[in-house]
Amino acid sequence: MSYSFYTTTQKAWSWMIESIKKAKKSIYIEMYIFLDDTWSSHDFIWEIKNKLKEWLEVIIVVDIVWSFFLKKNTIQQLRDLGAEICFFSHFLRRTHRKILIIDQKIAFLWWVNVKRWSKDWHDLQIKFSWWFLLNPLLKSFSYTYKMAGWKNEKILDINQKSFIKKMKSWIVENRWRKDNIYHLNNYYRDKIFNAKKTITVVTPYLVPPRWMIALLDAAVYRGVNISFIIPKDTDIKIINHINYYYAKRLRNLWIKFYFTKKMNHAKLMIIDWNEAIVWSQNIDFLSFDMNAEIWVFFQDKKAIKNIEIIINDWIKKSEVCIPDKNYLGIWSNIFKFFLKLFSPIL
């Protein structure tokens, strides 16, 4: 099985650009934030324009809210060259996924946005060519494309292929279904409930719903060692206080916390060091209950070992979070009041 992990935004961008340059037939992109403000060394728009001149099929699905500042001139230039630019817009629901598929043979699942100010972040991206991941990922992309209101039959037909429907998938996603709208929640509950020894979670933003806190509490009671890795200083300053509040609350349940010194945008969970779940979602109610998100989970021993090395390196460069000593001031108490007020809906 062929795969690679990248742990910084710039490394991920570099390999994405290289893959786009080598594309022969098609480029499919689905992005939460896709802007045209990156440096010339990572100029996605320039590279995509070059591939359009070679008559490649290019389809880009972006969130209408968070990619709002993608310039109109850029959009028009891409469309004039033959690209389909689709905007995902469903009231409060956002597409929070980050997907790149090259020639329907190589895929990147990453939590890296394409925006200038994220260039120095730590993050996690997976590049793979596993057929059992590629096919359901293509189906998932087709579904989001349809949700964005576009009607290219070639893309829509991918969602109807029977061999994909019948195949056991290691890709899990939020879908609007009558029987189960947000079934990522079920996977999350199941993994925590069945953990035997350890749970390690990496997330930049921490606003856990009440059911998750209850499950973590029960896991600690069973003897499971739980650790969270969160950034000490996020890109959204208000989140620092919210992260601190929940770190203090969960630490009272004997859950360990590590603060990374640099912004860490990675999102993953390791269960008992034998199963890894890498996802697009944050630990908040929007990701669990509103947004279009995607997970990939696997038990490949080599991949698990690689992730273990990455996590241990992050921990080594972090500081142990002791809330009473890392007190952030009066704002923490203000946020504590409002979070308690709204906790029934979280």
Protein backbone atom coordinates (compact mmCIF):
# COMPACT_ATOMS: atom_id res chain seq x y z
CA MET A 1 0.00 0.00 0.00
CA SER A 2 1.41 3.36 -1.05
CA TYR A 3 1.03 6.37 1.23
CA SER A 4 2.91 9.35 2.66
CA PHE A 5 2.36 11.68 5.60
CA TYR A 6 3.20 15.39 5.62
CA THR A 7 3.30 17.31 8.89
CA THR A 8 3.53 20.98 7.89
CA THR A 9 1.44 23.14 5.61
CA GLN A 10 4.35 24.02 3.32
CA LYS A 11 5.38 20.38 2.85
CA ALA A 12 1.79 19.48 2.00
CA TRP A 13 1.50 22.37 -0.44
CA SER A 14 4.77 21.40 -2.15
CA TRP A 15 3.67 17.82 -2.79
CA MET A 16 0.21 18.92 -3.89
CA ILE A 17 1.76 21.31 -6.41
CA GLU A 18 4.07 18.56 -7.71
CA SER A 19 1.12 16.21 -8.14
CA ILE A 20 -0.88 18.86 -9.99
CA LYS A 21 2.07 19.44 -12.33
CA LYS A 22 2.17 15.70 -13.13
CA ALA A 23 -1.58 15.34 -13.72
CA LYS A 24 -2.48 13.86 -17.11
CA LYS A 25 -6.28 13.69 -17.18
CA SER A 26 -8.11 15.30 -14.27
CA ILE A 27 -7.82 17.39 -11.11
CA TYR A 28 -10.63 17.34 -8.54
CA ILE A 29 -10.43 19.71 -5.56
CA GLU A 30 -12.81 20.18 -2.64
CA MET A 31 -11.77 22.88 -0.19
CA TYR A 32 -13.04 24.71 2.87
CA ILE A 33 -10.73 27.69 2.31
CA PHE A 34 -9.24 28.05 -1.17
CA LEU A 35 -7.71 31.46 -1.84
CA ASP A 36 -5.33 32.91 -4.42
CA ASP A 37 -3.04 34.72 -1.99
CA THR A 38 -0.23 32.15 -1.66
CA TRP A 39 3.34 32.88 -2.72
CA SER A 40 4.71 32.14 -6.20
CA SER A 41 6.46 29.05 -4.81
CA HIS A 42 3.03 27.56 -4.06
CA ASP A 43 0.83 29.22 -6.66
CA PHE A 44 -2.04 26.75 -7.05
CA ILE A 45 -3.98 28.97 -9.44
CA TRP A 46 -1.02 29.33 -11.81
CA GLU A 47 -0.42 25.59 -11.91
CA ILE A 48 -4.10 24.81 -12.44
CA LYS A 49 -4.25 27.32 -15.31
CA ASN A 50 -1.29 25.60 -16.95
CA LYS A 51 -3.04 22.21 -16.73
CA LEU A 52 -6.24 23.69 -18.16
CA LYS A 53 -4.22 24.78 -21.19
CA GLU A 54 -3.35 21.10 -21.63
CA TRP A 55 -7.12 20.33 -21.75
CA LEU A 56 -7.29 18.56 -18.41
CA GLU A 57 -10.61 18.23 -16.64
CA VAL A 58 -10.57 20.50 -13.57
CA ILE A 59 -13.40 20.62 -11.03
CA ILE A 60 -13.13 22.74 -7.89
CA VAL A 61 -15.75 22.69 -5.10
CA VAL A 62 -15.22 25.36 -2.44
CA ASP A 63 -17.22 26.61 0.52
CA ILE A 64 -19.05 29.79 -0.41
CA VAL A 65 -18.49 31.43 2.99
CA TRP A 66 -14.87 30.63 3.81
CA SER A 67 -13.64 30.94 0.21
CA PHE A 68 -15.54 34.20 -0.25
CA PHE A 69 -12.33 36.16 -0.84
CA LEU A 70 -11.27 34.08 -3.84
CA LYS A 71 -11.04 36.88 -6.39
CA LYS A 72 -13.76 37.16 -9.02
CA ASN A 73 -11.13 37.69 -11.73
CA THR A 74 -9.45 34.42 -10.73
CA ILE A 75 -12.75 32.54 -10.85
CA GLN A 76 -13.57 33.97 -14.28
CA GLN A 77 -10.12 33.19 -15.68
CA LEU A 78 -10.36 29.57 -14.54
CA ARG A 79 -13.86 29.22 -15.99
CA ASP A 80 -12.77 30.79 -19.30
CA LEU A 81 -10.08 28.11 -19.51
CA GLY A 82 -12.65 25.37 -18.94
CA ALA A 83 -12.66 24.71 -15.18
CA GLU A 84 -15.84 24.07 -13.24
CA ILE A 85 -15.88 26.20 -10.08
CA CYS A 86 -18.68 25.11 -7.73
CA PHE A 87 -19.70 26.88 -4.52
CA PHE A 88 -21.11 24.80 -1.68
CA SER A 89 -23.87 26.72 0.08
CA HIS A 90 -26.43 25.12 2.41
CA PHE A 91 -27.42 27.73 5.00
CA LEU A 92 -25.39 27.02 8.18
CA ARG A 93 -23.88 23.83 6.82
CA ARG A 94 -20.35 24.17 5.42
CA THR A 95 -18.10 21.80 3.53
CA HIS A 96 -15.14 21.51 5.88
CA ARG A 97 -13.34 18.86 3.82
CA LYS A 98 -9.99 19.24 2.04
CA ILE A 99 -9.56 16.80 -0.85
CA LEU A 100 -7.34 16.64 -3.94
CA ILE A 101 -7.72 13.78 -6.43
CA ILE A 102 -5.33 13.50 -9.38
CA ASP A 103 -6.29 11.43 -12.46
CA GLN A 104 -8.62 9.39 -10.21
CA LYS A 105 -5.47 7.48 -9.15
CA ILE A 106 -3.78 9.55 -6.42
CA ALA A 107 -5.51 11.38 -3.58
CA PHE A 108 -4.58 13.79 -0.85
CA LEU A 109 -6.73 13.93 2.25
CA TRP A 110 -5.51 16.88 4.25
CA TRP A 111 -6.66 19.39 6.81
CA VAL A 112 -4.48 22.07 5.24
CA ASN A 113 -6.31 25.05 3.80
CA VAL A 114 -4.91 27.03 0.89
CA LYS A 115 -4.44 30.47 2.42
CA ARG A 116 -1.37 32.61 3.03
CA TRP A 117 -1.49 32.92 6.82
CA SER A 118 -1.46 29.14 7.43
CA LYS A 119 1.88 28.51 5.71
CA ASP A 120 3.89 27.94 8.93
CA TRP A 121 1.41 25.69 10.70
CA HIS A 122 1.93 22.12 11.78
CA ASP A 123 -0.68 19.91 10.17
CA LEU A 124 -1.22 16.40 8.88
CA GLN A 125 -1.87 15.26 5.33
CA ILE A 126 -2.09 11.81 3.80
CA LYS A 127 -1.22 11.07 0.18
CA PHE A 128 -2.34 7.64 -0.98
CA SER A 129 -3.14 5.50 -4.00
CA TRP A 130 -5.06 2.71 -2.25
CA TRP A 131 -7.91 1.63 -4.51
CA PHE A 132 -10.16 0.81 -1.54
CA LEU A 133 -9.85 4.43 -0.36
CA LEU A 134 -9.82 6.13 -3.76
CA ASN A 135 -13.12 4.70 -4.98
CA PRO A 136 -15.25 5.73 -1.98
CA LEU A 137 -13.45 9.08 -1.93
CA LEU A 138 -14.43 9.66 -5.55
CA LYS A 139 -18.00 8.75 -4.65
CA SER A 140 -17.91 11.21 -1.76
CA PHE A 141 -16.56 13.98 -4.00
CA SER A 142 -19.34 13.24 -6.51
CA TYR A 143 -21.95 13.58 -3.77
CA THR A 144 -20.63 16.98 -2.62
CA TYR A 145 -20.43 18.12 -6.25
CA LYS A 146 -24.12 17.23 -6.61
CA MET A 147 -24.94 19.04 -3.34
CA ALA A 148 -23.26 22.14 -4.80
CA GLY A 149 -25.86 22.06 -7.58
CA TRP A 150 -23.73 21.07 -10.57
CA LYS A 151 -24.75 18.55 -13.20
CA ASN A 152 -21.78 17.09 -15.07
CA GLU A 153 -23.13 13.59 -15.73
CA LYS A 154 -19.65 12.06 -15.78
CA ILE A 155 -19.08 13.15 -12.18
CA LEU A 156 -22.61 12.38 -11.00
CA ASP A 157 -22.37 8.84 -12.41
CA ILE A 158 -19.49 8.06 -10.07
CA ASN A 159 -21.94 8.15 -7.19
CA GLN A 160 -24.09 5.50 -8.90
CA LYS A 161 -21.46 2.85 -9.61
CA SER A 162 -22.56 -0.35 -7.96
CA PHE A 163 -19.07 -1.69 -7.25
CA ILE A 164 -18.42 1.38 -5.11
CA LYS A 165 -21.72 1.07 -3.27
CA LYS A 166 -21.05 -2.56 -2.33
CA MET A 167 -17.43 -2.09 -1.32
CA LYS A 168 -16.45 -1.98 2.35
CA SER A 169 -15.12 1.52 2.86
CA TRP A 170 -12.52 2.95 5.20
CA ILE A 171 -13.87 6.40 4.32
CA VAL A 172 -16.60 7.73 6.61
CA GLU A 173 -18.46 10.99 6.10
CA ASN A 174 -21.36 13.13 7.27
CA ARG A 175 -24.30 12.64 4.92
CA TRP A 176 -27.81 14.02 4.81
CA ARG A 177 -29.71 10.74 5.06
CA LYS A 178 -33.21 10.10 6.36
CA ASP A 179 -32.10 7.19 8.55
CA ASN A 180 -28.91 8.77 9.95
CA ILE A 181 -27.96 12.34 9.12
CA TYR A 182 -24.73 12.63 11.07
CA HIS A 183 -23.27 9.16 11.27
CA LEU A 184 -19.74 10.35 12.04
CA ASN A 185 -21.05 10.74 15.58
CA ASN A 186 -21.78 7.01 15.74
CA TYR A 187 -18.23 6.12 14.72
CA TYR A 188 -16.77 8.51 17.27
CA ARG A 189 -18.94 7.11 20.06
CA ASP A 190 -18.10 3.54 19.09
CA LYS A 191 -14.32 4.13 19.04
CA ILE A 192 -14.25 5.83 22.44
CA PHE A 193 -16.65 3.32 23.97
CA ASN A 194 -14.55 0.35 22.84
CA ALA A 195 -11.09 1.75 23.68
CA LYS A 196 -9.19 -0.57 26.05
CA LYS A 197 -5.92 1.17 26.94
CA THR A 198 -5.26 4.54 25.34
CA ILE A 199 -6.93 7.37 23.42
CA THR A 200 -4.81 10.16 21.94
CA VAL A 201 -6.54 13.10 20.26
CA VAL A 202 -4.98 15.97 18.31
CA THR A 203 -7.24 18.95 17.60
CA PRO A 204 -6.75 22.71 17.18
CA TYR A 205 -10.17 23.70 18.55
CA LEU A 206 -11.77 22.02 21.54
CA VAL A 207 -15.49 22.46 22.24
CA PRO A 208 -16.60 18.90 23.03
CA PRO A 209 -20.33 18.15 23.21
CA ARG A 210 -21.70 16.81 26.47
CA TRP A 211 -22.07 13.24 25.16
CA MET A 212 -18.37 13.19 24.31
CA ILE A 213 -17.36 14.40 27.77
CA ALA A 214 -19.51 11.65 29.28
CA LEU A 215 -17.88 8.99 27.08
CA LEU A 216 -14.38 10.22 27.94
CA ASP A 217 -15.26 10.20 31.64
CA ALA A 218 -16.51 6.61 31.34
CA ALA A 219 -13.34 5.61 29.46
CA VAL A 220 -11.14 7.05 32.22
CA TYR A 221 -13.19 5.12 34.77
CA ARG A 222 -12.45 1.92 32.78
CA GLY A 223 -8.73 2.64 33.09
CA VAL A 224 -8.12 4.15 29.63
CA ASN A 225 -5.29 6.72 29.50
CA ILE A 226 -6.46 9.74 27.50
CA SER A 227 -4.31 12.55 26.12
CA PHE A 228 -5.15 15.66 24.09
CA ILE A 229 -2.70 17.72 22.06
CA ILE A 230 -3.89 21.26 21.38
CA PRO A 231 -2.09 24.48 20.35
CA LYS A 232 -1.21 26.97 23.05
CA ASP A 233 -1.97 29.84 20.69
CA THR A 234 -4.46 29.30 17.85
CA ASP A 235 -5.14 31.47 14.81
CA ILE A 236 -8.45 32.52 16.41
CA LYS A 237 -7.59 34.25 19.69
CA ILE A 238 -11.03 33.75 21.22
CA ILE A 239 -10.52 30.00 20.87
CA ASN A 240 -7.53 30.14 23.23
CA HIS A 241 -9.88 30.90 26.12
CA ILE A 242 -12.37 28.23 25.06
CA ASN A 243 -9.60 25.65 24.67
CA TYR A 244 -8.31 26.56 28.11
CA TYR A 245 -11.74 26.24 29.71
CA TYR A 246 -12.30 22.74 28.35
CA ALA A 247 -8.73 21.67 29.06
CA LYS A 248 -9.29 22.58 32.70
CA ARG A 249 -12.67 20.86 32.77
CA LEU A 250 -11.39 17.64 31.17
CA ARG A 251 -8.20 17.64 33.19
CA ASN A 252 -10.39 17.34 36.28
CA LEU A 253 -11.39 13.95 34.82
CA TRP A 254 -7.68 12.94 34.82
CA ILE A 255 -7.20 13.56 31.11
CA LYS A 256 -3.72 14.78 30.10
CA PHE A 257 -3.22 17.86 27.96
CA TYR A 258 -0.22 19.03 25.94
CA PHE A 259 0.09 22.55 24.51
CA THR A 260 2.06 22.79 21.25
CA LYS A 261 4.13 25.95 20.93
CA LYS A 262 3.30 26.40 17.23
CA MET A 263 -0.16 26.37 15.72
CA ASN A 264 -1.08 22.73 15.13
CA HIS A 265 -4.03 22.30 12.79
CA ALA A 266 -3.89 18.48 12.65
CA LYS A 267 -6.99 16.46 13.50
CA LEU A 268 -6.66 12.80 14.44
CA MET A 269 -7.37 10.15 17.05
CA ILE A 270 -5.40 6.99 17.89
CA ILE A 271 -7.15 4.17 19.73
CA ASP A 272 -4.98 1.68 21.68
CA TRP A 273 -2.14 2.43 19.22
CA ASN A 274 -3.61 -0.06 16.77
CA GLU A 275 -6.18 2.06 14.92
CA ALA A 276 -5.86 5.61 13.62
CA ILE A 277 -8.65 7.91 12.56
CA VAL A 278 -7.60 11.02 10.62
CA TRP A 279 -10.39 13.48 9.95
CA SER A 280 -11.35 16.93 8.74
CA GLN A 281 -13.53 17.77 11.72
CA ASN A 282 -12.81 19.85 14.77
CA ILE A 283 -14.05 18.89 18.22
CA ASP A 284 -17.08 21.18 18.18
CA PHE A 285 -20.81 20.94 17.60
CA LEU A 286 -20.61 22.44 14.09
CA SER A 287 -18.29 19.67 12.90
CA PHE A 288 -20.29 16.95 14.61
CA ASP A 289 -23.78 18.15 13.74
CA MET A 290 -23.68 20.56 10.79
CA ASN A 291 -20.69 20.48 8.46
CA ALA A 292 -19.78 18.12 5.65
CA GLU A 293 -16.79 16.25 7.08
CA ILE A 294 -14.75 13.19 6.20
CA TRP A 295 -12.70 10.57 8.07
CA VAL A 296 -10.24 7.93 6.99
CA PHE A 297 -9.42 5.18 9.45
CA PHE A 298 -6.89 2.37 9.11
CA GLN A 299 -5.06 -0.34 11.05
CA ASP A 300 -1.95 -0.69 8.91
CA LYS A 301 0.89 -1.26 11.43
CA LYS A 302 3.46 0.74 9.50
CA ALA A 303 1.10 3.72 9.16
CA ILE A 304 0.22 3.57 12.86
CA LYS A 305 3.92 3.52 13.73
CA ASN A 306 4.57 6.56 11.53
CA ILE A 307 1.75 8.46 13.24
CA GLU A 308 3.07 7.42 16.65
CA ILE A 309 6.47 8.92 15.76
CA ILE A 310 4.80 12.15 14.62
CA ILE A 311 2.69 12.43 17.78
CA ASN A 312 5.62 11.69 20.10
CA ASP A 313 7.64 14.42 18.36
CA TRP A 314 4.80 16.91 18.89
CA ILE A 315 4.54 15.90 22.56
CA LYS A 316 8.30 16.24 23.03
CA LYS A 317 8.11 19.82 21.74
CA SER A 318 5.02 20.67 23.80
CA GLU A 319 4.47 21.75 27.37
CA VAL A 320 2.20 19.91 29.79
CA CYS A 321 -0.95 21.94 30.30
CA ILE A 322 -1.62 22.71 33.97
CA PRO A 323 -4.63 25.06 33.84
CA ASP A 324 -4.07 26.66 37.23
CA LYS A 325 -0.57 27.70 36.11
CA ASN A 326 -1.53 28.53 32.51
CA TYR A 327 -4.32 30.85 33.62
CA LEU A 328 -5.40 33.23 30.86
CA GLY A 329 -7.09 35.91 32.96
CA ILE A 330 -10.57 37.31 33.41
CA TRP A 331 -11.66 36.38 29.90
CA SER A 332 -11.52 32.69 30.84
CA ASN A 333 -14.13 33.24 33.54
CA ILE A 334 -16.32 35.20 31.11
CA PHE A 335 -16.16 32.39 28.56
CA LYS A 336 -16.77 29.87 31.33
CA PHE A 337 -20.05 31.62 32.15
CA PHE A 338 -21.28 31.64 28.54
CA LEU A 339 -20.15 28.07 27.85
CA LYS A 340 -22.04 26.85 30.89
CA LEU A 341 -25.05 28.82 29.72
CA PHE A 342 -25.03 27.18 26.29
CA SER A 343 -23.67 23.76 27.34
CA PRO A 344 -27.07 22.00 26.91
CA ILE A 345 -26.87 22.52 23.14
CA LEU A 346 -23.19 21.54 22.92
